[in-house]
C-alpha cells in the first residue's frame, strides 16, 4: 500500500508534520517452498510468518530534535484519501515499533545549506494476538477524521 500526502499522521500521540508518503510493505519472514521429484517448479508454498513494515517519509525544512528512536513503541495513526478520492477517507492504525530513522539532505529549499532534509522512519507493525492483521483500515463517512 502506498499513501501519498496523508491528511494527518500521528505516532504515540505526537503529530508528525511534513509527511509526503507512507509505504506499507508486507513480506514473508520465512517462506516455505517445496518441490517434488517430478520437475523443477515448486508445488507448494506458504508464508506462515509475515512482517508488515511501514515507512513514513517526511520533508523537514527546520531542525527536528524530537525524532523517534529505534525501540520506541506506539500507535501509528493516519488518515488518507482512498484511491485519490478526497470524499472517501480511510483511517489506518497500527501498534508499531520504530526500527530505524534515517535522514538525507536534498537540494532546493530554505533549510540546511539551502537544502531540505528528508527523514524516513521505518516501523514494524505488531499484531495484538499474532493472528490479527497488524494494520487496521476503517472507512470514514465524511465526518471528522
N, C-alpha and C. Protein backbone atom coordinates (compact mmCIF):
# COMPACT_ATOMS: atom_id res chain seq x y z
N UNK A 1 0.85 -1.16 0.00
CA UNK A 1 0.00 0.00 0.00
C UNK A 1 0.90 1.23 0.00
N UNK A 2 0.53 2.20 -0.77
CA UNK A 2 1.24 3.47 -0.81
C UNK A 2 0.23 4.59 -0.61
N UNK A 3 0.50 5.44 0.36
CA UNK A 3 -0.36 6.59 0.64
C UNK A 3 0.47 7.84 0.38
N UNK A 4 0.01 8.67 -0.55
CA UNK A 4 0.70 9.91 -0.88
C UNK A 4 -0.06 11.07 -0.24
N UNK A 5 0.67 11.95 0.41
CA UNK A 5 0.11 13.12 1.08
C UNK A 5 -1.05 12.78 2.03
N UNK A 6 -0.77 11.99 3.07
CA UNK A 6 -1.83 11.67 4.03
C UNK A 6 -2.33 12.93 4.73
N UNK A 7 -3.60 12.89 5.13
CA UNK A 7 -4.23 14.05 5.78
C UNK A 7 -3.54 14.40 7.11
N UNK A 8 -3.31 13.38 7.93
CA UNK A 8 -2.74 13.59 9.26
C UNK A 8 -2.02 12.32 9.68
N UNK A 9 -0.84 12.47 10.31
CA UNK A 9 -0.07 11.32 10.78
C UNK A 9 0.32 11.58 12.22
N UNK A 10 0.11 10.55 13.05
CA UNK A 10 0.38 10.67 14.48
C UNK A 10 1.04 9.38 14.97
N UNK A 11 2.07 9.51 15.82
CA UNK A 11 2.70 8.34 16.43
C UNK A 11 2.81 8.59 17.93
N UNK A 12 2.26 7.68 18.70
CA UNK A 12 2.31 7.75 20.16
C UNK A 12 1.81 9.11 20.67
N UNK A 13 0.75 9.62 20.02
CA UNK A 13 0.14 10.88 20.45
C UNK A 13 0.82 12.14 19.94
N UNK A 14 1.92 12.01 19.18
CA UNK A 14 2.64 13.16 18.64
C UNK A 14 2.38 13.25 17.14
N UNK A 15 1.90 14.41 16.69
CA UNK A 15 1.63 14.59 15.27
C UNK A 15 2.94 14.80 14.52
N UNK A 16 3.09 14.09 13.41
CA UNK A 16 4.25 14.24 12.55
C UNK A 16 3.85 15.09 11.35
N UNK A 17 4.45 16.26 11.20
CA UNK A 17 4.17 17.13 10.07
C UNK A 17 5.08 16.82 8.90
N UNK A 18 4.74 17.36 7.75
CA UNK A 18 5.58 17.23 6.57
C UNK A 18 5.62 15.84 5.95
N UNK A 19 4.67 14.98 6.30
CA UNK A 19 4.67 13.62 5.74
C UNK A 19 4.23 13.68 4.28
N UNK A 20 5.08 13.17 3.40
CA UNK A 20 4.76 13.18 1.97
C UNK A 20 4.27 11.82 1.48
N UNK A 21 4.64 10.75 2.19
CA UNK A 21 4.20 9.43 1.76
C UNK A 21 4.36 8.41 2.89
N UNK A 22 3.51 7.40 2.86
CA UNK A 22 3.61 6.26 3.76
C UNK A 22 3.54 5.00 2.90
N UNK A 23 4.52 4.13 3.06
CA UNK A 23 4.54 2.87 2.32
C UNK A 23 4.37 1.72 3.31
N UNK A 24 3.42 0.85 3.04
CA UNK A 24 3.20 -0.34 3.85
C UNK A 24 3.64 -1.54 3.01
N UNK A 25 4.68 -2.21 3.47
CA UNK A 25 5.22 -3.36 2.74
C UNK A 25 4.99 -4.62 3.57
N UNK A 26 4.66 -5.69 2.88
CA UNK A 26 4.42 -6.97 3.53
C UNK A 26 5.40 -7.99 2.94
N UNK A 27 5.99 -8.80 3.82
CA UNK A 27 6.96 -9.80 3.35
C UNK A 27 6.84 -11.07 4.18
N UNK A 28 7.13 -12.19 3.53
CA UNK A 28 7.20 -13.46 4.24
C UNK A 28 8.53 -13.48 4.99
N UNK A 29 8.47 -13.66 6.31
CA UNK A 29 9.69 -13.67 7.11
C UNK A 29 10.51 -14.93 6.84
N UNK A 30 9.84 -16.05 6.78
CA UNK A 30 10.49 -17.33 6.47
C UNK A 30 9.56 -18.16 5.59
N UNK A 31 9.59 -17.89 4.29
CA UNK A 31 8.68 -18.62 3.40
C UNK A 31 9.04 -20.10 3.33
N UNK A 32 8.02 -20.90 3.13
CA UNK A 32 8.21 -22.33 2.92
C UNK A 32 7.90 -22.62 1.45
N UNK A 33 8.86 -23.19 0.77
CA UNK A 33 8.69 -23.55 -0.64
C UNK A 33 9.16 -24.99 -0.79
N UNK A 34 8.31 -25.82 -1.40
CA UNK A 34 8.66 -27.23 -1.55
C UNK A 34 8.52 -27.68 -3.00
N UNK A 35 9.33 -28.66 -3.39
CA UNK A 35 9.35 -29.23 -4.72
C UNK A 35 9.11 -30.74 -4.61
N UNK A 36 8.72 -31.33 -5.71
CA UNK A 36 8.65 -32.80 -5.80
C UNK A 36 9.79 -33.26 -6.69
N UNK A 37 9.91 -34.56 -6.85
CA UNK A 37 10.93 -35.11 -7.74
C UNK A 37 10.50 -35.09 -9.20
N UNK A 38 9.31 -34.60 -9.48
CA UNK A 38 8.76 -34.65 -10.83
C UNK A 38 9.25 -33.52 -11.75
N UNK A 39 9.76 -32.43 -11.21
CA UNK A 39 10.17 -31.33 -12.08
C UNK A 39 10.81 -30.19 -11.30
N UNK A 40 11.19 -29.15 -12.03
CA UNK A 40 11.96 -28.06 -11.43
C UNK A 40 11.14 -26.99 -10.71
N UNK A 41 9.81 -27.07 -10.76
CA UNK A 41 8.99 -25.99 -10.23
C UNK A 41 8.38 -26.35 -8.88
N UNK A 42 8.23 -25.36 -8.01
CA UNK A 42 7.63 -25.62 -6.70
C UNK A 42 6.18 -26.09 -6.84
N UNK A 43 5.80 -26.97 -5.94
CA UNK A 43 4.43 -27.48 -5.92
C UNK A 43 3.66 -27.02 -4.70
N UNK A 44 4.36 -26.38 -3.76
CA UNK A 44 3.72 -25.89 -2.55
C UNK A 44 4.49 -24.68 -2.05
N UNK A 45 3.75 -23.69 -1.56
CA UNK A 45 4.37 -22.53 -0.95
C UNK A 45 3.45 -21.98 0.13
N UNK A 46 4.05 -21.45 1.17
CA UNK A 46 3.27 -20.87 2.27
C UNK A 46 4.11 -19.78 2.92
N UNK A 47 3.43 -18.86 3.58
CA UNK A 47 4.09 -17.77 4.31
C UNK A 47 3.54 -17.75 5.73
N UNK A 48 3.93 -18.72 6.56
CA UNK A 48 3.36 -18.81 7.90
C UNK A 48 3.79 -17.68 8.83
N UNK A 49 4.90 -17.04 8.53
CA UNK A 49 5.36 -15.91 9.33
C UNK A 49 5.54 -14.71 8.40
N UNK A 50 4.91 -13.61 8.78
CA UNK A 50 4.92 -12.43 7.91
C UNK A 50 5.32 -11.20 8.71
N UNK A 51 5.89 -10.24 8.01
CA UNK A 51 6.26 -8.96 8.61
C UNK A 51 5.59 -7.84 7.83
N UNK A 52 4.99 -6.90 8.57
CA UNK A 52 4.42 -5.70 7.97
C UNK A 52 5.33 -4.54 8.37
N UNK A 53 5.97 -3.93 7.37
CA UNK A 53 6.89 -2.82 7.60
C UNK A 53 6.24 -1.55 7.07
N UNK A 54 6.30 -0.49 7.86
CA UNK A 54 5.72 0.79 7.47
C UNK A 54 6.83 1.83 7.41
N UNK A 55 6.95 2.50 6.27
CA UNK A 55 7.93 3.57 6.13
C UNK A 55 7.20 4.89 5.97
N UNK A 56 7.56 5.84 6.83
CA UNK A 56 6.97 7.18 6.80
C UNK A 56 8.04 8.13 6.28
N UNK A 57 7.77 8.78 5.14
CA UNK A 57 8.71 9.72 4.55
C UNK A 57 8.24 11.15 4.81
N UNK A 58 9.16 11.95 5.39
CA UNK A 58 8.83 13.33 5.73
C UNK A 58 9.83 14.29 5.10
N UNK A 59 9.37 15.51 4.84
CA UNK A 59 10.26 16.61 4.43
C UNK A 59 10.38 17.53 5.64
N UNK A 60 11.62 17.84 5.98
CA UNK A 60 11.87 18.73 7.11
C UNK A 60 12.57 19.98 6.61
N UNK A 61 12.01 21.15 6.90
CA UNK A 61 12.67 22.38 6.48
C UNK A 61 13.22 23.16 7.67
N UNK A 62 13.23 22.51 8.83
CA UNK A 62 13.83 23.11 10.03
C UNK A 62 14.32 21.97 10.92
N UNK A 63 15.06 22.33 11.96
CA UNK A 63 15.61 21.32 12.88
C UNK A 63 14.51 20.48 13.49
N UNK A 64 14.80 19.22 13.68
CA UNK A 64 13.86 18.27 14.28
C UNK A 64 14.60 17.58 15.42
N UNK A 65 14.33 18.01 16.64
CA UNK A 65 15.05 17.48 17.80
C UNK A 65 14.34 16.26 18.38
N UNK A 66 13.02 16.23 18.34
CA UNK A 66 12.25 15.16 18.97
C UNK A 66 12.05 13.94 18.08
N UNK A 67 13.10 13.50 17.41
CA UNK A 67 13.00 12.37 16.49
C UNK A 67 12.77 11.08 17.27
N UNK A 68 11.88 10.21 16.77
CA UNK A 68 11.71 8.92 17.44
C UNK A 68 12.99 8.10 17.35
N UNK A 69 13.13 7.16 18.28
CA UNK A 69 14.34 6.33 18.33
C UNK A 69 13.99 4.86 18.15
N UNK A 70 14.92 4.09 17.61
CA UNK A 70 14.68 2.65 17.49
C UNK A 70 14.29 2.07 18.85
N UNK A 71 13.26 1.24 18.82
CA UNK A 71 12.75 0.64 20.05
C UNK A 71 11.53 1.34 20.60
N UNK A 72 11.27 2.58 20.16
CA UNK A 72 10.08 3.29 20.62
C UNK A 72 8.83 2.54 20.15
N UNK A 73 7.90 2.35 21.07
CA UNK A 73 6.63 1.69 20.76
C UNK A 73 5.51 2.71 20.83
N UNK A 74 4.53 2.57 19.96
CA UNK A 74 3.39 3.47 19.99
C UNK A 74 2.37 3.10 18.95
N UNK A 75 1.28 3.84 18.96
CA UNK A 75 0.22 3.65 17.98
C UNK A 75 0.45 4.63 16.84
N UNK A 76 0.62 4.11 15.63
CA UNK A 76 0.74 4.93 14.43
C UNK A 76 -0.65 5.05 13.83
N UNK A 77 -1.09 6.28 13.60
CA UNK A 77 -2.41 6.52 13.02
C UNK A 77 -2.26 7.52 11.90
N UNK A 78 -3.01 7.30 10.82
CA UNK A 78 -3.03 8.29 9.75
C UNK A 78 -4.36 8.22 9.02
N UNK A 79 -4.68 9.34 8.39
CA UNK A 79 -5.92 9.47 7.61
C UNK A 79 -5.50 9.78 6.19
N UNK A 80 -6.12 9.08 5.24
CA UNK A 80 -5.76 9.26 3.84
C UNK A 80 -6.98 9.16 2.97
N UNK A 81 -6.89 9.78 1.80
CA UNK A 81 -7.96 9.65 0.80
C UNK A 81 -7.78 8.31 0.10
N UNK A 82 -8.87 7.64 -0.14
CA UNK A 82 -8.84 6.35 -0.80
C UNK A 82 -8.82 6.52 -2.31
N UNK A 83 -7.81 5.96 -2.95
CA UNK A 83 -7.69 5.96 -4.42
C UNK A 83 -7.85 7.35 -5.03
N UNK A 84 -7.29 8.37 -4.37
CA UNK A 84 -7.33 9.71 -4.91
C UNK A 84 -8.66 10.42 -4.78
N UNK A 85 -9.61 9.82 -4.10
CA UNK A 85 -10.94 10.41 -3.92
C UNK A 85 -10.99 11.07 -2.54
N UNK A 86 -10.96 12.39 -2.49
CA UNK A 86 -10.92 13.09 -1.21
C UNK A 86 -12.20 12.90 -0.40
N UNK A 87 -13.27 12.49 -1.03
CA UNK A 87 -14.52 12.27 -0.30
C UNK A 87 -14.50 10.94 0.45
N UNK A 88 -13.69 9.97 -0.01
CA UNK A 88 -13.63 8.66 0.62
C UNK A 88 -12.37 8.59 1.48
N UNK A 89 -12.52 8.93 2.75
CA UNK A 89 -11.38 8.92 3.66
C UNK A 89 -11.26 7.58 4.38
N UNK A 90 -10.02 7.20 4.66
CA UNK A 90 -9.73 5.96 5.38
C UNK A 90 -8.84 6.30 6.57
N UNK A 91 -9.19 5.76 7.73
CA UNK A 91 -8.36 5.90 8.93
C UNK A 91 -7.61 4.59 9.10
N UNK A 92 -6.29 4.67 9.20
CA UNK A 92 -5.45 3.49 9.38
C UNK A 92 -4.74 3.58 10.72
N UNK A 93 -4.50 2.42 11.30
CA UNK A 93 -3.80 2.40 12.57
C UNK A 93 -3.04 1.10 12.75
N UNK A 94 -1.93 1.20 13.50
CA UNK A 94 -1.14 0.01 13.80
C UNK A 94 -0.30 0.29 15.04
N UNK A 95 -0.28 -0.68 15.93
CA UNK A 95 0.69 -0.65 17.02
C UNK A 95 2.02 -0.97 16.36
N UNK A 96 3.05 -0.19 16.65
CA UNK A 96 4.31 -0.37 15.91
C UNK A 96 5.51 -0.02 16.76
N UNK A 97 6.66 -0.56 16.34
CA UNK A 97 7.94 -0.26 16.96
C UNK A 97 8.84 0.41 15.92
N UNK A 98 9.49 1.49 16.31
CA UNK A 98 10.43 2.16 15.41
C UNK A 98 11.64 1.25 15.24
N UNK A 99 11.91 0.91 13.98
CA UNK A 99 13.05 0.04 13.68
C UNK A 99 14.29 0.87 13.35
N UNK A 100 14.11 1.91 12.52
CA UNK A 100 15.24 2.79 12.21
C UNK A 100 14.74 4.14 11.73
N UNK A 101 15.60 5.14 11.87
CA UNK A 101 15.31 6.51 11.43
C UNK A 101 16.52 6.98 10.63
N UNK A 102 16.27 7.49 9.43
CA UNK A 102 17.36 7.97 8.60
C UNK A 102 17.06 9.35 8.05
N UNK A 103 18.12 10.08 7.71
CA UNK A 103 17.99 11.43 7.15
C UNK A 103 18.91 11.57 5.96
N UNK A 104 18.53 12.50 5.06
CA UNK A 104 19.42 12.90 3.98
C UNK A 104 19.06 14.32 3.59
N UNK A 105 20.05 15.04 3.09
CA UNK A 105 19.86 16.41 2.65
C UNK A 105 19.69 16.39 1.14
N UNK A 106 18.64 17.07 0.66
CA UNK A 106 18.40 17.17 -0.77
C UNK A 106 18.48 18.63 -1.17
N UNK A 107 18.77 18.90 -2.42
CA UNK A 107 18.91 20.28 -2.87
C UNK A 107 17.56 20.94 -3.06
N UNK A 108 17.58 22.25 -3.05
CA UNK A 108 16.36 23.03 -3.27
C UNK A 108 15.60 23.22 -1.98
N UNK A 109 15.37 24.45 -1.61
CA UNK A 109 14.62 24.73 -0.40
C UNK A 109 15.35 25.70 0.49
N UNK A 110 14.74 26.00 1.63
CA UNK A 110 15.26 27.02 2.52
C UNK A 110 16.04 26.45 3.70
N UNK A 111 16.06 25.16 3.88
CA UNK A 111 16.62 24.54 5.08
C UNK A 111 18.13 24.57 5.11
N UNK A 112 18.72 23.55 5.68
CA UNK A 112 20.15 23.44 5.91
C UNK A 112 20.92 23.66 4.61
N UNK A 113 21.80 24.66 4.59
CA UNK A 113 22.64 24.92 3.44
C UNK A 113 21.87 25.11 2.14
N UNK A 114 20.64 25.61 2.22
CA UNK A 114 19.84 25.81 1.02
C UNK A 114 19.12 24.56 0.58
N UNK A 115 19.19 23.50 1.37
CA UNK A 115 18.53 22.25 1.02
C UNK A 115 17.40 21.93 1.97
N UNK A 116 16.75 20.85 1.71
CA UNK A 116 15.67 20.36 2.55
C UNK A 116 16.09 18.98 3.03
N UNK A 117 15.80 18.68 4.27
CA UNK A 117 16.12 17.35 4.79
C UNK A 117 14.94 16.43 4.58
N UNK A 118 15.24 15.18 4.26
CA UNK A 118 14.22 14.14 4.18
C UNK A 118 14.48 13.17 5.33
N UNK A 119 13.41 12.80 5.99
CA UNK A 119 13.51 11.84 7.09
C UNK A 119 12.66 10.63 6.73
N UNK A 120 13.21 9.44 6.93
CA UNK A 120 12.46 8.21 6.74
C UNK A 120 12.45 7.46 8.06
N UNK A 121 11.25 7.17 8.53
CA UNK A 121 11.08 6.42 9.77
C UNK A 121 10.51 5.05 9.38
N UNK A 122 11.24 4.01 9.73
CA UNK A 122 10.79 2.65 9.42
C UNK A 122 10.29 2.00 10.70
N UNK A 123 9.06 1.45 10.63
CA UNK A 123 8.45 0.81 11.79
C UNK A 123 8.05 -0.62 11.44
N UNK A 124 8.00 -1.46 12.47
CA UNK A 124 7.48 -2.82 12.32
C UNK A 124 6.13 -2.85 13.01
N UNK A 125 5.08 -3.21 12.26
CA UNK A 125 3.73 -3.27 12.81
C UNK A 125 3.57 -4.54 13.64
N UNK A 126 2.85 -4.42 14.77
CA UNK A 126 2.69 -5.53 15.71
C UNK A 126 1.23 -5.96 15.79
N UNK A 127 1.01 -7.25 15.70
CA UNK A 127 -0.32 -7.82 15.83
C UNK A 127 -0.68 -7.93 17.31
N UNK A 128 -1.94 -7.75 17.63
CA UNK A 128 -2.40 -7.85 19.03
C UNK A 128 -2.28 -9.28 19.56
N UNK A 129 -2.51 -10.26 18.67
CA UNK A 129 -2.51 -11.65 19.14
C UNK A 129 -1.71 -12.59 18.24
N UNK A 130 -1.03 -12.07 17.24
CA UNK A 130 -0.27 -12.90 16.33
C UNK A 130 -1.08 -13.39 15.15
N UNK A 131 -2.39 -13.32 15.24
CA UNK A 131 -3.27 -13.79 14.16
C UNK A 131 -3.89 -12.61 13.40
N UNK A 132 -4.30 -11.60 14.14
CA UNK A 132 -4.95 -10.43 13.52
C UNK A 132 -3.94 -9.61 12.71
N UNK A 133 -4.41 -9.07 11.58
CA UNK A 133 -3.57 -8.20 10.76
C UNK A 133 -3.18 -6.99 11.61
N UNK A 134 -1.90 -6.64 11.65
CA UNK A 134 -1.48 -5.52 12.49
C UNK A 134 -1.94 -4.15 12.00
N UNK A 135 -2.34 -4.04 10.73
CA UNK A 135 -2.80 -2.77 10.18
C UNK A 135 -4.31 -2.79 10.06
N UNK A 136 -4.97 -1.85 10.74
CA UNK A 136 -6.42 -1.75 10.64
C UNK A 136 -6.79 -0.60 9.72
N UNK A 137 -7.82 -0.80 8.91
CA UNK A 137 -8.33 0.22 8.00
C UNK A 137 -9.80 0.40 8.27
N UNK A 138 -10.23 1.67 8.38
CA UNK A 138 -11.63 1.97 8.68
C UNK A 138 -12.09 3.12 7.80
N UNK A 139 -13.19 2.93 7.09
CA UNK A 139 -13.74 3.99 6.25
C UNK A 139 -14.35 5.06 7.13
N UNK A 140 -14.16 6.31 6.75
CA UNK A 140 -14.72 7.45 7.47
C UNK A 140 -15.83 8.04 6.60
N UNK A 141 -17.01 8.12 7.14
CA UNK A 141 -18.17 8.61 6.38
C UNK A 141 -18.26 10.12 6.39
N UNK A 142 -17.37 10.78 5.67
CA UNK A 142 -17.44 12.23 5.50
C UNK A 142 -17.34 13.02 6.79
N UNK A 143 -17.14 12.36 7.94
CA UNK A 143 -17.05 13.06 9.20
C UNK A 143 -15.64 13.47 9.51
N UNK A 144 -15.43 13.94 10.72
CA UNK A 144 -14.12 14.37 11.19
C UNK A 144 -13.21 13.17 11.34
N UNK A 145 -11.99 13.28 10.80
CA UNK A 145 -11.00 12.21 10.90
C UNK A 145 -10.41 12.27 12.25
